[in-house]
Amino acid sequence: MLDIRESGLNGIEFSKALLNAKNIAVMPGESFGTSSAGHIRVAMTVSDDIFEYATRTICSFASNFVGSTN
């Protein structure tokens, strides 16, 4: 699980925005209960190259929201 609370978005909002903007699918933490809210779950079922690309893209995408007023 990755903590995305600093983005100002909940897991559902972040997951939808990431899919729409970058075509990367993750699971919102809220799918796993309230204690996982503000997190996303990534699957590690792809090649290392694809996983590295996806994690870099997720980090870059999240940085667009940190410190902004959503």
N, C-alpha and C. Protein backbone atom coordinates (compact mmCIF):
# COMPACT_ATOMS: atom_id res chain seq x y z
N MET A 1 0.84 -1.17 0.00
CA MET A 1 0.00 0.00 0.00
C MET A 1 0.89 1.24 0.00
N LEU A 2 0.52 2.19 -0.81
CA LEU A 2 1.23 3.46 -0.88
C LEU A 2 0.36 4.54 -0.25
N ASP A 3 0.94 5.35 0.59
CA ASP A 3 0.24 6.43 1.28
C ASP A 3 0.16 7.63 0.35
N ILE A 4 -1.05 8.01 -0.04
CA ILE A 4 -1.23 9.15 -0.94
C ILE A 4 -1.99 10.30 -0.26
N ARG A 5 -2.05 10.28 1.07
CA ARG A 5 -2.82 11.30 1.78
C ARG A 5 -2.32 12.71 1.53
N GLU A 6 -1.02 12.89 1.33
CA GLU A 6 -0.50 14.24 1.08
C GLU A 6 -0.98 14.81 -0.24
N SER A 7 -1.54 13.98 -1.10
CA SER A 7 -2.06 14.48 -2.37
C SER A 7 -3.34 15.28 -2.17
N GLY A 8 -3.99 15.09 -1.02
CA GLY A 8 -5.26 15.76 -0.77
C GLY A 8 -6.45 15.00 -1.35
N LEU A 9 -6.19 13.90 -2.01
CA LEU A 9 -7.25 13.08 -2.60
C LEU A 9 -7.40 11.81 -1.79
N ASN A 10 -8.62 11.26 -1.79
CA ASN A 10 -8.77 9.95 -1.17
C ASN A 10 -8.34 8.89 -2.19
N GLY A 11 -8.29 7.66 -1.77
CA GLY A 11 -7.82 6.60 -2.65
C GLY A 11 -8.66 6.42 -3.90
N ILE A 12 -9.95 6.59 -3.75
CA ILE A 12 -10.86 6.44 -4.90
C ILE A 12 -10.61 7.55 -5.91
N GLU A 13 -10.56 8.79 -5.44
CA GLU A 13 -10.31 9.93 -6.34
C GLU A 13 -8.96 9.80 -7.03
N PHE A 14 -7.94 9.45 -6.25
CA PHE A 14 -6.59 9.32 -6.80
C PHE A 14 -6.54 8.21 -7.85
N SER A 15 -7.13 7.08 -7.55
CA SER A 15 -7.12 5.94 -8.48
C SER A 15 -7.80 6.28 -9.79
N LYS A 16 -8.95 6.94 -9.72
CA LYS A 16 -9.66 7.33 -10.94
C LYS A 16 -8.87 8.35 -11.74
N ALA A 17 -8.30 9.34 -11.06
CA ALA A 17 -7.52 10.37 -11.75
C ALA A 17 -6.28 9.77 -12.41
N LEU A 18 -5.61 8.86 -11.72
CA LEU A 18 -4.42 8.21 -12.26
C LEU A 18 -4.77 7.38 -13.50
N LEU A 19 -5.85 6.65 -13.43
CA LEU A 19 -6.28 5.84 -14.57
C LEU A 19 -6.61 6.73 -15.77
N ASN A 20 -7.36 7.80 -15.53
CA ASN A 20 -7.75 8.70 -16.62
C ASN A 20 -6.56 9.43 -17.23
N ALA A 21 -5.63 9.87 -16.39
CA ALA A 21 -4.51 10.68 -16.87
C ALA A 21 -3.35 9.86 -17.41
N LYS A 22 -3.06 8.72 -16.78
CA LYS A 22 -1.84 7.98 -17.10
C LYS A 22 -2.09 6.54 -17.53
N ASN A 23 -3.35 6.12 -17.53
CA ASN A 23 -3.70 4.75 -17.92
C ASN A 23 -3.01 3.70 -17.05
N ILE A 24 -2.87 4.02 -15.77
CA ILE A 24 -2.31 3.09 -14.79
C ILE A 24 -3.40 2.78 -13.77
N ALA A 25 -3.69 1.51 -13.60
CA ALA A 25 -4.75 1.09 -12.69
C ALA A 25 -4.16 0.64 -11.36
N VAL A 26 -4.72 1.15 -10.28
CA VAL A 26 -4.38 0.75 -8.91
C VAL A 26 -5.69 0.56 -8.16
N MET A 27 -5.63 -0.07 -7.01
CA MET A 27 -6.82 -0.25 -6.18
C MET A 27 -6.83 0.79 -5.07
N PRO A 28 -7.94 1.49 -4.89
CA PRO A 28 -8.01 2.42 -3.76
C PRO A 28 -8.01 1.65 -2.44
N GLY A 29 -7.33 2.19 -1.46
CA GLY A 29 -7.26 1.54 -0.16
C GLY A 29 -8.63 1.37 0.48
N GLU A 30 -9.54 2.27 0.16
CA GLU A 30 -10.89 2.19 0.72
C GLU A 30 -11.57 0.87 0.38
N SER A 31 -11.11 0.20 -0.67
CA SER A 31 -11.66 -1.11 -1.04
C SER A 31 -11.36 -2.17 0.01
N PHE A 32 -10.38 -1.89 0.88
CA PHE A 32 -9.94 -2.85 1.88
C PHE A 32 -10.33 -2.44 3.30
N GLY A 33 -11.21 -1.43 3.41
CA GLY A 33 -11.69 -1.00 4.72
C GLY A 33 -11.24 0.41 5.06
N THR A 34 -11.86 0.97 6.08
CA THR A 34 -11.59 2.36 6.44
C THR A 34 -10.17 2.59 6.93
N SER A 35 -9.54 1.58 7.49
CA SER A 35 -8.17 1.76 7.98
C SER A 35 -7.17 1.94 6.85
N SER A 36 -7.57 1.60 5.63
CA SER A 36 -6.68 1.75 4.47
C SER A 36 -7.02 2.97 3.63
N ALA A 37 -7.94 3.81 4.12
CA ALA A 37 -8.30 5.02 3.38
C ALA A 37 -7.06 5.90 3.22
N GLY A 38 -6.99 6.58 2.08
CA GLY A 38 -5.85 7.45 1.81
C GLY A 38 -4.62 6.71 1.31
N HIS A 39 -4.83 5.48 0.90
CA HIS A 39 -3.74 4.66 0.37
C HIS A 39 -4.18 4.05 -0.95
N ILE A 40 -3.22 3.59 -1.73
CA ILE A 40 -3.53 2.82 -2.93
C ILE A 40 -2.73 1.53 -2.89
N ARG A 41 -3.26 0.53 -3.53
CA ARG A 41 -2.56 -0.76 -3.60
C ARG A 41 -2.11 -0.98 -5.04
N VAL A 42 -0.85 -1.34 -5.18
CA VAL A 42 -0.30 -1.62 -6.50
C VAL A 42 -0.04 -3.12 -6.61
N ALA A 43 -0.23 -3.66 -7.79
CA ALA A 43 0.06 -5.07 -8.04
C ALA A 43 1.46 -5.20 -8.61
N MET A 44 2.18 -6.17 -8.13
CA MET A 44 3.55 -6.40 -8.59
C MET A 44 3.59 -7.63 -9.49
N THR A 45 2.65 -7.68 -10.42
CA THR A 45 2.50 -8.86 -11.28
C THR A 45 2.94 -8.57 -12.71
N VAL A 46 3.79 -7.57 -12.88
CA VAL A 46 4.31 -7.20 -14.19
C VAL A 46 5.83 -7.30 -14.16
N SER A 47 6.44 -7.13 -15.30
CA SER A 47 7.90 -7.19 -15.36
C SER A 47 8.50 -6.04 -14.54
N ASP A 48 9.75 -6.20 -14.15
CA ASP A 48 10.43 -5.17 -13.37
C ASP A 48 10.46 -3.84 -14.11
N ASP A 49 10.68 -3.86 -15.41
CA ASP A 49 10.73 -2.62 -16.19
C ASP A 49 9.40 -1.88 -16.16
N ILE A 50 8.32 -2.61 -16.33
CA ILE A 50 6.99 -1.99 -16.31
C ILE A 50 6.67 -1.49 -14.91
N PHE A 51 7.02 -2.28 -13.89
CA PHE A 51 6.75 -1.85 -12.52
C PHE A 51 7.52 -0.58 -12.19
N GLU A 52 8.79 -0.51 -12.60
CA GLU A 52 9.59 0.69 -12.35
C GLU A 52 8.98 1.90 -13.06
N TYR A 53 8.59 1.74 -14.31
CA TYR A 53 7.95 2.83 -15.04
C TYR A 53 6.67 3.28 -14.33
N ALA A 54 5.85 2.33 -13.92
CA ALA A 54 4.58 2.66 -13.27
C ALA A 54 4.81 3.38 -11.95
N THR A 55 5.76 2.92 -11.14
CA THR A 55 5.98 3.57 -9.85
C THR A 55 6.55 4.97 -10.03
N ARG A 56 7.42 5.16 -11.00
CA ARG A 56 7.93 6.51 -11.27
C ARG A 56 6.80 7.43 -11.74
N THR A 57 5.93 6.90 -12.58
CA THR A 57 4.80 7.68 -13.08
C THR A 57 3.84 8.03 -11.96
N ILE A 58 3.57 7.08 -11.08
CA ILE A 58 2.68 7.33 -9.94
C ILE A 58 3.26 8.43 -9.05
N CYS A 59 4.55 8.36 -8.76
CA CYS A 59 5.20 9.37 -7.92
C CYS A 59 5.14 10.75 -8.56
N SER A 60 5.43 10.81 -9.84
CA SER A 60 5.37 12.08 -10.56
C SER A 60 3.95 12.63 -10.57
N PHE A 61 2.98 11.76 -10.82
CA PHE A 61 1.58 12.16 -10.83
C PHE A 61 1.16 12.70 -9.47
N ALA A 62 1.53 12.00 -8.41
CA ALA A 62 1.16 12.42 -7.05
C ALA A 62 1.78 13.76 -6.70
N SER A 63 2.98 14.02 -7.18
CA SER A 63 3.66 15.28 -6.84
C SER A 63 2.92 16.49 -7.39
N ASN A 64 2.09 16.30 -8.40
CA ASN A 64 1.29 17.40 -8.93
C ASN A 64 0.25 17.89 -7.94
N PHE A 65 -0.12 17.07 -6.98
CA PHE A 65 -1.17 17.41 -6.03
C PHE A 65 -0.64 17.89 -4.69
N VAL A 66 0.56 17.50 -4.32
CA VAL A 66 1.12 17.84 -3.01
C VAL A 66 1.30 19.35 -2.92
N GLY A 67 0.74 19.92 -1.87
CA GLY A 67 0.85 21.35 -1.64
C GLY A 67 -0.16 22.18 -2.39
N SER A 68 -0.98 21.56 -3.24
CA SER A 68 -2.01 22.31 -3.96
C SER A 68 -3.30 22.28 -3.17
N THR A 69 -4.20 23.15 -3.53
CA THR A 69 -5.53 23.14 -2.91
C THR A 69 -6.48 22.52 -3.92
N ASN A 70 -6.83 21.26 -3.68
CA ASN A 70 -7.66 20.50 -4.64
C ASN A 70 -9.08 20.94 -4.59
